[in-house]
N, C-alpha and C. Protein backbone atom coordinates (compact mmCIF):
# COMPACT_ATOMS: atom_id res chain seq x y z
N MET A 1 196.92 255.71 213.57
CA MET A 1 196.58 255.02 214.20
C MET A 1 194.84 254.22 213.50
N LYS A 2 193.99 256.22 213.93
CA LYS A 2 192.94 255.74 213.46
C LYS A 2 192.34 255.48 212.34
N VAL A 3 194.03 255.42 211.37
CA VAL A 3 193.60 256.07 209.62
C VAL A 3 192.84 255.04 209.54
N ARG A 4 194.21 253.72 210.03
CA ARG A 4 194.04 252.89 209.72
C ARG A 4 193.06 251.89 210.06
N LYS A 5 192.15 252.06 212.03
CA LYS A 5 190.53 251.66 212.02
C LYS A 5 190.08 251.93 211.13
N ARG A 6 189.52 253.46 210.16
CA ARG A 6 189.19 253.83 209.55
C ARG A 6 188.76 253.13 208.21
N ILE A 7 189.54 252.81 207.22
CA ILE A 7 189.66 252.31 207.00
C ILE A 7 189.16 250.69 206.67
N LYS A 8 189.87 250.63 206.96
CA LYS A 8 188.81 249.39 207.19
C LYS A 8 187.36 249.34 207.91
N GLN A 9 187.18 250.28 208.38
CA GLN A 9 185.93 250.08 208.33
C GLN A 9 184.84 250.98 207.21
N VAL A 10 185.19 250.98 206.30
CA VAL A 10 185.48 250.93 204.97
C VAL A 10 185.39 250.10 204.46
N LYS A 11 186.05 250.17 203.63
CA LYS A 11 186.81 247.89 203.48
C LYS A 11 185.47 247.10 203.65
N ARG A 12 184.49 247.42 205.51
CA ARG A 12 183.94 246.36 205.41
C ARG A 12 182.69 246.46 205.06
N GLY A 13 182.51 247.58 204.80
CA GLY A 13 180.98 248.39 205.42
C GLY A 13 181.27 248.07 202.85
N ILE A 14 181.69 248.75 202.00
CA ILE A 14 181.62 247.36 200.89
C ILE A 14 181.16 246.40 200.84
N SER A 15 182.23 245.32 201.35
CA SER A 15 182.23 244.03 201.00
C SER A 15 180.97 243.92 201.98
N LEU A 16 180.85 244.42 202.50
CA LEU A 16 178.71 244.77 202.93
C LEU A 16 177.72 244.88 202.07
N ALA A 17 177.91 245.85 201.83
CA ALA A 17 177.25 246.69 200.73
C ALA A 17 177.10 245.42 199.10
N LYS A 18 178.30 244.98 198.95
CA LYS A 18 177.96 243.70 197.71
C LYS A 18 177.84 243.49 197.89
N LEU A 19 178.40 241.92 199.45
CA LEU A 19 177.32 241.28 199.90
C LEU A 19 175.37 241.40 199.74
N VAL A 20 175.22 242.72 200.20
CA VAL A 20 173.72 242.50 200.27
C VAL A 20 173.05 243.23 199.09
N HIS A 21 173.71 243.32 197.99
CA HIS A 21 173.31 244.08 197.01
C HIS A 21 173.62 242.88 195.75
N LYS A 22 174.63 241.98 196.49
CA LYS A 22 173.57 240.53 195.95
C LYS A 22 173.38 239.95 195.61
N GLY A 23 172.22 239.63 197.38
CA GLY A 23 171.45 238.89 197.68
C GLY A 23 170.28 239.36 197.77
N PHE A 24 170.60 241.20 197.06
CA PHE A 24 169.12 241.54 196.66
C PHE A 24 168.70 240.60 194.91
N ARG A 25 169.51 241.09 194.62
CA ARG A 25 169.82 240.87 193.26
C ARG A 25 168.58 239.16 193.41
N LEU A 26 170.42 238.66 193.53
CA LEU A 26 169.55 237.37 193.82
C LEU A 26 168.26 236.93 194.28
N HIS A 27 167.53 237.64 195.38
CA HIS A 27 166.14 237.13 195.14
C HIS A 27 165.70 237.75 195.02
N THR A 28 165.67 239.23 194.17
CA THR A 28 164.74 239.20 192.84
C THR A 28 164.88 238.01 192.41
N ALA A 29 165.72 237.51 191.56
CA ALA A 29 165.22 236.84 190.82
C ALA A 29 164.85 235.58 191.30
N TYR A 30 164.24 235.22 192.31
CA TYR A 30 163.69 233.58 193.16
C TYR A 30 162.95 234.17 194.28
N LYS A 31 162.65 235.27 193.98
CA LYS A 31 161.58 235.53 195.34
C LYS A 31 160.10 234.05 195.15
N GLY A 32 160.74 233.81 196.99
CA GLY A 32 160.06 233.09 197.57
C GLY A 32 160.63 232.38 197.95
N SER A 33 162.02 231.57 198.02
CA SER A 33 162.95 231.14 197.76
C SER A 33 163.29 230.81 199.69
N LYS A 34 162.93 230.38 201.04
CA LYS A 34 163.29 230.89 201.35
C LYS A 34 164.95 230.81 201.87
N ILE A 35 165.59 230.03 201.63
CA ILE A 35 166.93 229.34 201.85
C ILE A 35 167.37 230.23 201.39
N LEU A 36 167.06 231.26 200.35
CA LEU A 36 168.00 232.41 199.99
C LEU A 36 167.62 233.14 201.17
N LYS A 37 167.07 233.37 201.85
CA LYS A 37 166.76 234.54 202.85
C LYS A 37 167.34 233.89 204.12
N ALA A 38 167.37 232.47 205.07
CA ALA A 38 168.41 231.96 205.23
C ALA A 38 169.23 232.43 205.48
N GLY A 39 170.13 231.79 204.29
CA GLY A 39 171.63 232.91 204.42
C GLY A 39 171.74 233.91 203.80
N LEU A 40 171.07 234.37 203.53
CA LEU A 40 171.01 236.05 203.62
C LEU A 40 171.62 236.38 205.32
N GLU A 41 170.56 235.77 206.21
CA GLU A 41 170.36 236.69 207.64
C GLU A 41 170.89 236.33 208.39
N ASP A 42 171.26 234.92 208.18
CA ASP A 42 172.77 234.32 209.11
C ASP A 42 174.02 235.09 208.22
N LEU A 43 174.71 235.76 207.14
CA LEU A 43 175.21 236.17 206.23
C LEU A 43 175.50 237.73 207.59
N LEU A 44 174.49 238.61 207.58
CA LEU A 44 173.80 240.11 207.56
C LEU A 44 174.33 239.90 209.76
N LYS A 45 173.51 238.10 210.06
CA LYS A 45 173.11 238.08 211.56
C LYS A 45 175.08 239.17 212.11
N PRO A 46 175.80 238.33 211.62
CA PRO A 46 177.49 238.70 213.20
C PRO A 46 177.39 240.42 212.97
N LYS A 47 177.15 240.90 211.86
CA LYS A 47 177.66 242.23 212.02
C LYS A 47 177.12 242.51 212.57
N TYR A 48 175.20 242.74 212.49
CA TYR A 48 175.38 243.52 214.22
C TYR A 48 174.77 243.17 215.25
N GLN A 49 175.65 241.65 215.23
CA GLN A 49 175.76 240.85 216.74
C GLN A 49 176.40 242.38 217.25
N ARG A 50 178.07 242.52 216.38
CA ARG A 50 178.79 243.30 217.14
C ARG A 50 178.46 244.59 217.93
């Protein structure tokens, strides 16, 4: 059980890292677009509320 839980956590972490990385790459491409920032925050909020 513990192992399975851990794997899920790791997978979640990786997907989050990918999202963030993509987000930052986009962010550097379109500096100053507030829409993108809002989108990123919406993506990350649920993770931090838990």
